[in-house]
PDB file of N, CA and C in Angstrom:
ATOM      1  N   MET A   1      79.589  68.162  87.185  1.00  0.00           N
ATOM      2  CA  MET A   1      80.184  69.647  85.694  1.00  0.00           C
ATOM      3  C   MET A   1      80.746  68.528  85.475  1.00  0.00           C
ATOM      4  N   GLY A   2      81.800  68.079  83.952  1.00  0.00           N
ATOM      5  CA  GLY A   2      82.589  67.557  83.520  1.00  0.00           C
ATOM      6  C   GLY A   2      83.068  68.692  82.629  1.00  0.00           C
ATOM      7  N   LEU A   3      84.241  68.499  82.159  1.00  0.00           N
ATOM      8  CA  LEU A   3      85.289  69.591  80.981  1.00  0.00           C
ATOM      9  C   LEU A   3      84.779  69.577  80.377  1.00  0.00           C
ATOM     10  N   ASP A   4      83.339  69.092  79.611  1.00  0.00           N
ATOM     11  CA  ASP A   4      82.089  69.360  78.847  1.00  0.00           C
ATOM     12  C   ASP A   4      81.473  70.905  79.086  1.00  0.00           C
ATOM     13  N   ASP A   5      81.694  70.845  80.401  1.00  0.00           N
ATOM     14  CA  ASP A   5      81.178  72.967  80.614  1.00  0.00           C
ATOM     15  C   ASP A   5      81.928  72.926  80.274  1.00  0.00           C
ATOM     16  N   CYS A   6      83.521  73.221  80.687  1.00  0.00           N
ATOM     17  CA  CYS A   6      84.626  74.308  80.068  1.00  0.00           C
ATOM     18  C   CYS A   6      85.152  74.553  79.139  1.00  0.00           C
ATOM     19  N   SER A   7      84.774  75.624  78.279  1.00  0.00           N
ATOM     20  CA  SER A   7      86.043  76.396  77.462  1.00  0.00           C
ATOM     21  C   SER A   7      86.396  77.058  76.986  1.00  0.00           C
ATOM     22  N   SER A   8      87.721  77.188  76.275  1.00  0.00           N
ATOM     23  CA  SER A   8      89.065  77.957  76.567  1.00  0.00           C
ATOM     24  C   SER A   8      88.995  79.639  77.172  1.00  0.00           C
ATOM     25  N   HIS A   9      87.527  79.735  77.408  1.00  0.00           N
ATOM     26  CA  HIS A   9      87.407  80.992  77.906  1.00  0.00           C
ATOM     27  C   HIS A   9      86.666  81.231  79.241  1.00  0.00           C
ATOM     28  N   SER A  10      87.079  79.788  79.883  1.00  0.00           N
ATOM     29  CA  SER A  10      86.293  79.821  80.932  1.00  0.00           C
ATOM     30  C   SER A  10      87.168  80.139  82.034  1.00  0.00           C
ATOM     31  N   GLY A  11      88.691  80.800  82.023  1.00  0.00           N
ATOM     32  CA  GLY A  11      89.799  81.063  83.668  1.00  0.00           C
ATOM     33  C   GLY A  11      89.253  82.277  83.302  1.00  0.00           C
ATOM     34  N   ARG A  12      89.414  82.828  81.767  1.00  0.00           N
ATOM     35  CA  ARG A  12      89.070  84.410  81.989  1.00  0.00           C
ATOM     36  C   ARG A  12      87.875  84.993  82.419  1.00  0.00           C
ATOM     37  N   ARG A  13      86.984  84.160  82.356  1.00  0.00           N
ATOM     38  CA  ARG A  13      85.326  85.532  82.504  1.00  0.00           C
ATOM     39  C   ARG A  13      85.444  84.189  83.959  1.00  0.00           C
ATOM     40  N   THR A  14      85.950  83.518  84.461  1.00  0.00           N
ATOM     41  CA  THR A  14      85.733  83.798  86.059  1.00  0.00           C
ATOM     42  C   THR A  14      87.076  83.951  86.046  1.00  0.00           C
ATOM     43  N   LEU A  15      87.614  85.043  85.939  1.00  0.00           N
ATOM     44  CA  LEU A  15      88.218  85.899  86.317  1.00  0.00           C
ATOM     45  C   LEU A  15      88.428  87.393  86.073  1.00  0.00           C
ATOM     46  N   LEU A  16      87.068  87.545  85.265  1.00  0.00           N
ATOM     47  CA  LEU A  16      86.742  88.855  85.207  1.00  0.00           C
ATOM     48  C   LEU A  16      85.310  88.758  85.823  1.00  0.00           C
ATOM     49  N   THR A  17      84.991  88.189  86.035  1.00  0.00           N
ATOM     50  CA  THR A  17      84.157  88.156  87.091  1.00  0.00           C
ATOM     51  C   THR A  17      84.521  88.332  87.752  1.00  0.00           C
ATOM     52  N   ASN A  18      85.760  87.292  88.981  1.00  0.00           N
ATOM     53  CA  ASN A  18      85.712  87.996  90.602  1.00  0.00           C
ATOM     54  C   ASN A  18      86.402  89.303  89.833  1.00  0.00           C
ATOM     55  N   ALA A  19      87.029  90.422  89.209  1.00  0.00           N
ATOM     56  CA  ALA A  19      87.441  91.415  89.459  1.00  0.00           C
ATOM     57  C   ALA A  19      86.271  91.515  89.414  1.00  0.00           C
ATOM     58  N   SER A  20      85.475  91.531  88.446  1.00  0.00           N
ATOM     59  CA  SER A  20      83.785  93.153  89.069  1.00  0.00           C
ATOM     60  C   SER A  20      83.389  92.325  90.316  1.00  0.00           C
ATOM     61  N   ASN A  21      82.405  91.620  90.684  1.00  0.00           N
ATOM     62  CA  ASN A  21      82.783  91.464  92.907  1.00  0.00           C
ATOM     63  C   ASN A  21      83.191  91.817  93.190  1.00  0.00           C
ATOM     64  N   ALA A  22      85.489  92.068  92.580  1.00  0.00           N
ATOM     65  CA  ALA A  22      85.868  93.420  94.245  1.00  0.00           C
ATOM     66  C   ALA A  22      85.658  94.478  93.623  1.00  0.00           C
ATOM     67  N   GLY A  23      85.051  94.741  93.381  1.00  0.00           N
ATOM     68  CA  GLY A  23      84.458  96.171  92.759  1.00  0.00           C
ATOM     69  C   GLY A  23      85.643  97.027  91.938  1.00  0.00           C
ATOM     70  N   ILE A  24      86.186  96.160  91.163  1.00  0.00           N
ATOM     71  CA  ILE A  24      86.983  96.587  89.797  1.00  0.00           C
ATOM     72  C   ILE A  24      85.886  96.793  88.696  1.00  0.00           C
ATOM     73  N   ASN A  25      86.379  98.547  89.043  1.00  0.00           N
ATOM     74  CA  ASN A  25      85.894  99.232  87.640  1.00  0.00           C
ATOM     75  C   ASN A  25      86.152  98.491  86.410  1.00  0.00           C
ATOM     76  N   ILE A  26      84.883  98.351  85.423  1.00  0.00           N
ATOM     77  CA  ILE A  26      84.629  97.736  84.879  1.00  0.00           C
ATOM     78  C   ILE A  26      85.857  98.404  83.341  1.00  0.00           C
ATOM     79  N   ARG A  27      85.278  99.711  83.064  1.00  0.00           N
ATOM     80  CA  ARG A  27      87.464  99.516  82.914  1.00  0.00           C
ATOM     81  C   ARG A  27      88.595  99.435  82.813  1.00  0.00           C
ATOM     82  N   THR A  28      89.024  99.234  84.259  1.00  0.00           N
ATOM     83  CA  THR A  28      89.771  98.910  84.725  1.00  0.00           C
ATOM     84  C   THR A  28      90.038  97.131  84.338  1.00  0.00           C
ATOM     85  N   ILE A  29      89.303  95.694  84.436  1.00  0.00           N
ATOM     86  CA  ILE A  29      88.763  94.888  84.224  1.00  0.00           C
ATOM     87  C   ILE A  29      89.585  95.093  82.881  1.00  0.00           C
ATOM     88  N   GLN A  30      88.134  95.940  81.908  1.00  0.00           N
ATOM     89  CA  GLN A  30      88.398  95.681  80.302  1.00  0.00           C
ATOM     90  C   GLN A  30      89.820  96.204  79.844  1.00  0.00           C
ATOM     91  N   ALA A  31      91.109  96.628  80.380  1.00  0.00           N
ATOM     92  CA  ALA A  31      91.867  96.824  80.376  1.00  0.00           C
ATOM     93  C   ALA A  31      92.779  95.787  80.900  1.00  0.00           C
ATOM     94  N   ILE A  32      92.156  94.967  81.568  1.00  0.00           N
ATOM     95  CA  ILE A  32      93.438  93.807  82.259  1.00  0.00           C
ATOM     96  C   ILE A  32      92.748  93.194  81.372  1.00  0.00           C
ATOM     97  N   ALA A  33      92.074  92.651  80.333  1.00  0.00           N
ATOM     98  CA  ALA A  33      91.765  91.563  79.460  1.00  0.00           C
ATOM     99  C   ALA A  33      91.924  92.344  78.189  1.00  0.00           C
ATOM    100  N   ARG A  34      92.567  93.202  78.223  1.00  0.00           N
ATOM    101  CA  ARG A  34      92.980  93.877  76.964  1.00  0.00           C
ATOM    102  C   ARG A  34      92.094  93.821  75.741  1.00  0.00           C
ATOM    103  N   HIS A  35      90.694  94.505  76.390  1.00  0.00           N
ATOM    104  CA  HIS A  35      89.575  94.435  75.403  1.00  0.00           C
ATOM    105  C   HIS A  35      89.669  95.849  74.225  1.00  0.00           C
ATOM    106  N   SER A  36      89.695  95.719  73.130  1.00  0.00           N
ATOM    107  CA  SER A  36      89.540  97.331  72.754  1.00  0.00           C
ATOM    108  C   SER A  36      87.901  98.131  72.749  1.00  0.00           C
ATOM    109  N   HIS A  37      86.334  97.270  72.670  1.00  0.00           N
ATOM    110  CA  HIS A  37      85.476  97.390  73.516  1.00  0.00           C
ATOM    111  C   HIS A  37      85.395  96.816  74.490  1.00  0.00           C
ATOM    112  N   LEU A  38      84.426  97.970  75.792  1.00  0.00           N
ATOM    113  CA  LEU A  38      83.344  97.523  76.548  1.00  0.00           C
ATOM    114  C   LEU A  38      82.664  96.593  76.758  1.00  0.00           C
ATOM    115  N   ASN A  39      82.116  96.413  75.201  1.00  0.00           N
ATOM    116  CA  ASN A  39      80.521  95.725  75.639  1.00  0.00           C
ATOM    117  C   ASN A  39      81.428  93.999  74.733  1.00  0.00           C
ATOM    118  N   THR A  40      82.353  93.807  74.972  1.00  0.00           N
ATOM    119  CA  THR A  40      83.013  92.289  75.278  1.00  0.00           C
ATOM    120  C   THR A  40      83.593  92.255  76.580  1.00  0.00           C
ATOM    121  N   THR A  41      83.763  92.653  77.367  1.00  0.00           N
ATOM    122  CA  THR A  41      84.179  92.313  78.876  1.00  0.00           C
ATOM    123  C   THR A  41      82.484  92.448  79.117  1.00  0.00           C
ATOM    124  N   ALA A  42      82.269  93.365  78.781  1.00  0.00           N
ATOM    125  CA  ALA A  42      80.809  92.809  79.623  1.00  0.00           C
ATOM    126  C   ALA A  42      79.987  91.481  79.609  1.00  0.00           C
ATOM    127  N   ARG A  43      80.737  91.179  78.134  1.00  0.00           N
ATOM    128  CA  ARG A  43      79.879  89.602  77.946  1.00  0.00           C
ATOM    129  C   ARG A  43      80.536  89.181  78.856  1.00  0.00           C
ATOM    130  N   TYR A  44      81.800  88.956  79.005  1.00  0.00           N
ATOM    131  CA  TYR A  44      82.580  88.432  80.540  1.00  0.00           C
ATOM    132  C   TYR A  44      82.084  87.722  81.316  1.00  0.00           C
ATOM    133  N   ILE A  45      81.840  89.348  81.695  1.00  0.00           N
ATOM    134  CA  ILE A  45      81.081  89.349  83.263  1.00  0.00           C
ATOM    135  C   ILE A  45      79.691  88.633  83.292  1.00  0.00           C
ATOM    136  N   SER A  46      79.517  87.472  84.708  1.00  0.00           N
ATOM    137  CA  SER A  46      78.217  87.305  84.299  1.00  0.00           C
ATOM    138  C   SER A  46      77.196  87.876  86.282  1.00  0.00           C
ATOM    139  N   VAL A  47      76.212  88.426  86.402  1.00  0.00           N
ATOM    140  CA  VAL A  47      75.933  89.403  87.491  1.00  0.00           C
ATOM    141  C   VAL A  47      74.567  88.280  87.761  1.00  0.00           C
ATOM    142  N   THR A  48      74.054  87.887  89.242  1.00  0.00           N
ATOM    143  CA  THR A  48      73.394  86.926  89.229  1.00  0.00           C
ATOM    144  C   THR A  48      72.354  88.506  90.096  1.00  0.00           C
ATOM    145  N   ASP A  49      70.847  87.630  90.422  1.00  0.00           N
ATOM    146  CA  ASP A  49      69.754  88.695  90.960  1.00  0.00           C
ATOM    147  C   ASP A  49      70.361  89.133  92.187  1.00  0.00           C
ATOM    148  N   THR A  50      70.979  88.160  93.141  1.00  0.00           N
ATOM    149  CA  THR A  50      71.138  89.203  94.329  1.00  0.00           C
ATOM    150  C   THR A  50      72.119  90.372  94.299  1.00  0.00           C
ATOM    151  N   GLN A  51      73.034  90.002  93.168  1.00  0.00           N
ATOM    152  CA  GLN A  51      73.902  91.536  92.857  1.00  0.00           C
ATOM    153  C   GLN A  51      73.243  92.150  92.524  1.00  0.00           C
ATOM    154  N   ILE A  52      72.074  92.113  91.669  1.00  0.00           N
ATOM    155  CA  ILE A  52      71.007  93.585  91.232  1.00  0.00           C
ATOM    156  C   ILE A  52      69.981  94.168  92.114  1.00  0.00           C
ATOM    157  N   LYS A  53      69.927  92.184  93.524  1.00  0.00           N
ATOM    158  CA  LYS A  53      69.163  93.518  94.444  1.00  0.00           C
ATOM    159  C   LYS A  53      69.916  94.120  95.167  1.00  0.00           C
ATOM    160  N   ASN A  54      71.148  94.059  95.619  1.00  0.00           N
ATOM    161  CA  ASN A  54      71.720  94.492  95.523  1.00  0.00           C
ATOM    162  C   ASN A  54      72.543  96.350  95.456  1.00  0.00           C
ATOM    163  N   ALA A  55      72.221  96.013  94.508  1.00  0.00           N
ATOM    164  CA  ALA A  55      72.943  97.304  93.783  1.00  0.00           C
ATOM    165  C   ALA A  55      71.558  98.586  93.960  1.00  0.00           C
ATOM    166  N   VAL A  56      70.434  98.019  93.434  1.00  0.00           N
ATOM    167  CA  VAL A  56      68.893  98.563  93.534  1.00  0.00           C
ATOM    168  C   VAL A  56      69.186  98.847  95.174  1.00  0.00           C
ATOM    169  N   ASN A  57      69.381  97.964  96.241  1.00  0.00           N
ATOM    170  CA  ASN A  57      69.206  99.104  98.210  1.00  0.00           C
ATOM    171  C   ASN A  57      69.964  99.940  97.620  1.00  0.00           C
ATOM    172  N   LEU A  58      71.218 100.139  97.278  1.00  0.00           N
ATOM    173  CA  LEU A  58      72.018 100.913  97.480  1.00  0.00           C
ATOM    174  C   LEU A  58      72.068 101.864  96.856  1.00  0.00           C
ATOM    175  N   VAL A  59      70.378 101.945  96.129  1.00  0.00           N
ATOM    176  CA  VAL A  59      70.914 103.438  95.551  1.00  0.00           C
ATOM    177  C   VAL A  59      69.258 104.085  95.630  1.00  0.00           C
ATOM    178  N   SER A  60      68.284 102.759  96.567  1.00  0.00           N
ATOM    179  CA  SER A  60      66.690 103.361  96.194  1.00  0.00           C
ATOM    180  C   SER A  60      67.676 104.107  97.638  1.00  0.00           C
ATOM    181  N   VAL A  61      66.264 105.452  97.608  1.00  0.00           N
ATOM    182  CA  VAL A  61      65.970 106.677  98.085  1.00  0.00           C
ATOM    183  C   VAL A  61      65.208 105.849  99.165  1.00  0.00           C
TER     184      VAL A  61
END
C-alpha cells in the first residue's frame, strides 16, 4: 500500500470505523465527526462480513 491509497479522509475513516468497532453509538460518532446528517457518518464506517455475521448471531433465536 502506497500513498496513492490514502486520501485526506483516510484518517477520519479509520477513526470513525474504530469508534464503531469499539461499540460507540453511531449518533455519538456523528457528533464526534460533526456531521449534520447520519448518512454522511455511515458512509465513513466500514463494516466487514465477519461483523455482520457476528451481529446476526447475537440476535438470532
